[in-house]
Amino acid sequence: MVLTHAQSGEVIDIRPYGDAIDKAQSIALFKFAQLEVIRLVFPAGHHMPSHKVSGAITLQCLEGEVEVKVGDHVTVLRAGHLMHLKPQVEHGLRALKASSILVTIVL
């Protein structure tokens, strides 16, 4: 299946899924040479192991609750919370509730 990204000027709906979150899937919204935006959808309990990305990132919780582990420090992101991480910062995620997160990566 070919992934279709949003076109320049196209409106992208990032409102919470609400009750429909159980049927939602993660999706790359758009990507350019220097920027990628992804909407991650995690069921409760889902874990993304610690990893690094080469560029700076933002994590914006759109709904639910997600633990973000950076080093030995754990922070809970709730709907409306935003976090940024510098390039090459190791981090892991764990959904405490069904969640969707808007991730922006500087490539």
C-alpha atoms as a PDB file:
ATOM      1  CA  MET A   1       0.000   0.000   0.000  1.00  0.00           C
ATOM      2  CA  VAL A   2       1.341   3.435  -0.949  1.00  0.00           C
ATOM      3  CA  LEU A   3       1.415   5.973   1.867  1.00  0.00           C
ATOM      4  CA  THR A   4      -0.208   9.267   0.889  1.00  0.00           C
ATOM      5  CA  HIS A   5       1.013  12.324   2.753  1.00  0.00           C
ATOM      6  CA  ALA A   6      -0.982  15.522   3.073  1.00  0.00           C
ATOM      7  CA  GLN A   7      -0.362  18.036   0.312  1.00  0.00           C
ATOM      8  CA  SER A   8       0.881  21.573   0.899  1.00  0.00           C
ATOM      9  CA  GLY A   9      -2.048  23.724   2.028  1.00  0.00           C
ATOM     10  CA  GLU A  10      -4.237  20.719   2.886  1.00  0.00           C
ATOM     11  CA  VAL A  11      -5.989  20.832   6.277  1.00  0.00           C
ATOM     12  CA  ILE A  12      -5.166  17.904   8.576  1.00  0.00           C
ATOM     13  CA  ASP A  13      -7.620  17.023  11.346  1.00  0.00           C
ATOM     14  CA  ILE A  14      -5.743  16.195  14.556  1.00  0.00           C
ATOM     15  CA  ARG A  15      -8.675  16.376  16.929  1.00  0.00           C
ATOM     16  CA  PRO A  16      -8.843  13.563  19.497  1.00  0.00           C
ATOM     17  CA  TYR A  17     -10.311  10.296  18.236  1.00  0.00           C
ATOM     18  CA  GLY A  18     -12.336   9.821  21.414  1.00  0.00           C
ATOM     19  CA  ASP A  19     -14.237   6.528  21.441  1.00  0.00           C
ATOM     20  CA  ALA A  20     -12.917   5.720  17.951  1.00  0.00           C
ATOM     21  CA  ILE A  21      -9.289   5.559  19.173  1.00  0.00           C
ATOM     22  CA  ASP A  22      -9.422   1.751  19.361  1.00  0.00           C
ATOM     23  CA  LYS A  23      -9.837   1.638  15.562  1.00  0.00           C
ATOM     24  CA  ALA A  24      -7.280   4.366  14.777  1.00  0.00           C
ATOM     25  CA  GLN A  25      -3.772   3.688  13.483  1.00  0.00           C
ATOM     26  CA  SER A  26      -0.498   5.575  13.546  1.00  0.00           C
ATOM     27  CA  ILE A  27       0.101   7.603  10.388  1.00  0.00           C
ATOM     28  CA  ALA A  28       2.840   9.773   8.888  1.00  0.00           C
ATOM     29  CA  LEU A  29       1.054  13.047   8.107  1.00  0.00           C
ATOM     30  CA  PHE A  30       3.756  14.659   5.969  1.00  0.00           C
ATOM     31  CA  LYS A  31       7.476  14.629   5.366  1.00  0.00           C
ATOM     32  CA  PHE A  32       9.932  17.041   3.809  1.00  0.00           C
ATOM     33  CA  ALA A  33      13.702  17.008   3.547  1.00  0.00           C
ATOM     34  CA  GLN A  34      14.038  18.593   6.990  1.00  0.00           C
ATOM     35  CA  LEU A  35      10.747  17.837   8.787  1.00  0.00           C
ATOM     36  CA  GLU A  36       8.446  14.885   9.459  1.00  0.00           C
ATOM     37  CA  VAL A  37       5.143  14.931  11.370  1.00  0.00           C
ATOM     38  CA  ILE A  38       3.593  11.684  12.594  1.00  0.00           C
ATOM     39  CA  ARG A  39       0.475  10.892  14.596  1.00  0.00           C
ATOM     40  CA  LEU A  40       1.219   7.909  16.819  1.00  0.00           C
ATOM     41  CA  VAL A  41      -1.692   5.917  18.236  1.00  0.00           C
ATOM     42  CA  PHE A  42      -0.995   3.602  21.174  1.00  0.00           C
ATOM     43  CA  PRO A  43      -3.432   1.281  22.923  1.00  0.00           C
ATOM     44  CA  ALA A  44      -3.199   1.281  26.725  1.00  0.00           C
ATOM     45  CA  GLY A  45      -0.057  -0.544  27.831  1.00  0.00           C
ATOM     46  CA  HIS A  46       1.754  -0.189  24.477  1.00  0.00           C
ATOM     47  CA  HIS A  47       5.482   0.328  24.924  1.00  0.00           C
ATOM     48  CA  MET A  48       7.964   1.885  22.504  1.00  0.00           C
ATOM     49  CA  PRO A  49      11.472   0.856  23.604  1.00  0.00           C
ATOM     50  CA  SER A  50      14.159   3.437  24.258  1.00  0.00           C
ATOM     51  CA  HIS A  51      15.611   4.865  21.069  1.00  0.00           C
ATOM     52  CA  LYS A  52      17.254   7.986  19.657  1.00  0.00           C
ATOM     53  CA  VAL A  53      16.510  10.099  16.621  1.00  0.00           C
ATOM     54  CA  SER A  54      19.096  12.214  14.845  1.00  0.00           C
ATOM     55  CA  GLY A  55      17.130  15.467  15.007  1.00  0.00           C
ATOM     56  CA  ALA A  56      15.252  17.449  17.617  1.00  0.00           C
ATOM     57  CA  ILE A  57      11.696  16.248  18.274  1.00  0.00           C
ATOM     58  CA  THR A  58       8.479  17.381  19.893  1.00  0.00           C
ATOM     59  CA  LEU A  59       5.908  15.097  21.511  1.00  0.00           C
ATOM     60  CA  GLN A  60       2.427  16.583  21.900  1.00  0.00           C
ATOM     61  CA  CYS A  61      -0.175  14.438  23.651  1.00  0.00           C
ATOM     62  CA  LEU A  62      -3.502  14.907  21.869  1.00  0.00           C
ATOM     63  CA  GLU A  63      -5.417  12.469  24.089  1.00  0.00           C
ATOM     64  CA  GLY A  64      -4.774   9.870  26.753  1.00  0.00           C
ATOM     65  CA  GLU A  65      -1.688   9.637  28.971  1.00  0.00           C
ATOM     66  CA  VAL A  66       1.816   8.591  27.968  1.00  0.00           C
ATOM     67  CA  GLU A  67       4.896   8.046  30.106  1.00  0.00           C
ATOM     68  CA  VAL A  68       8.051   9.414  28.529  1.00  0.00           C
ATOM     69  CA  LYS A  69      11.285   8.044  29.955  1.00  0.00           C
ATOM     70  CA  VAL A  70      14.368  10.176  29.348  1.00  0.00           C
ATOM     71  CA  GLY A  71      17.396   8.679  31.075  1.00  0.00           C
ATOM     72  CA  ASP A  72      16.271   7.836  34.608  1.00  0.00           C
ATOM     73  CA  HIS A  73      13.536  10.491  34.595  1.00  0.00           C
ATOM     74  CA  VAL A  74       9.907   9.609  33.798  1.00  0.00           C
ATOM     75  CA  THR A  75       7.343  12.284  32.886  1.00  0.00           C
ATOM     76  CA  VAL A  76       3.646  11.750  32.183  1.00  0.00           C
ATOM     77  CA  LEU A  77       2.261  13.642  29.194  1.00  0.00           C
ATOM     78  CA  ARG A  78      -1.475  14.239  29.315  1.00  0.00           C
ATOM     79  CA  ALA A  79      -3.770  15.739  26.688  1.00  0.00           C
ATOM     80  CA  GLY A  80      -2.545  19.235  25.897  1.00  0.00           C
ATOM     81  CA  HIS A  81       1.023  18.642  27.125  1.00  0.00           C
ATOM     82  CA  LEU A  82       4.028  19.231  24.873  1.00  0.00           C
ATOM     83  CA  MET A  83       7.644  18.115  25.356  1.00  0.00           C
ATOM     84  CA  HIS A  84      10.718  18.684  23.212  1.00  0.00           C
ATOM     85  CA  LEU A  85      13.920  16.672  23.128  1.00  0.00           C
ATOM     86  CA  LYS A  86      17.285  17.628  21.715  1.00  0.00           C
ATOM     87  CA  PRO A  87      18.851  15.507  18.963  1.00  0.00           C
ATOM     88  CA  GLN A  88      20.209  12.098  20.015  1.00  0.00           C
ATOM     89  CA  VAL A  89      18.392  12.073  23.383  1.00  0.00           C
ATOM     90  CA  GLU A  90      17.452   8.495  24.247  1.00  0.00           C
ATOM     91  CA  HIS A  91      13.785   8.160  25.157  1.00  0.00           C
ATOM     92  CA  GLY A  92      11.055   5.542  25.463  1.00  0.00           C
ATOM     93  CA  LEU A  93       7.263   5.742  25.605  1.00  0.00           C
ATOM     94  CA  ARG A  94       4.542   3.770  27.371  1.00  0.00           C
ATOM     95  CA  ALA A  95       0.816   4.469  27.035  1.00  0.00           C
ATOM     96  CA  LEU A  96      -0.973   4.533  30.393  1.00  0.00           C
ATOM     97  CA  LYS A  97      -4.292   4.944  28.539  1.00  0.00           C
ATOM     98  CA  ALA A  98      -5.201   4.663  24.870  1.00  0.00           C
ATOM     99  CA  SER A  99      -3.399   7.699  23.460  1.00  0.00           C
ATOM    100  CA  SER A 100      -2.552   9.662  20.362  1.00  0.00           C
ATOM    101  CA  ILE A 101       0.577  11.762  20.131  1.00  0.00           C
ATOM    102  CA  LEU A 102       1.662  14.272  17.517  1.00  0.00           C
ATOM    103  CA  VAL A 103       5.385  13.790  16.881  1.00  0.00           C
ATOM    104  CA  THR A 104       7.465  16.347  14.983  1.00  0.00           C
ATOM    105  CA  ILE A 105      10.983  15.363  13.933  1.00  0.00           C
ATOM    106  CA  VAL A 106      13.605  17.737  12.531  1.00  0.00           C
ATOM    107  CA  LEU A 107      15.515  15.600  10.026  1.00  0.00           C
END
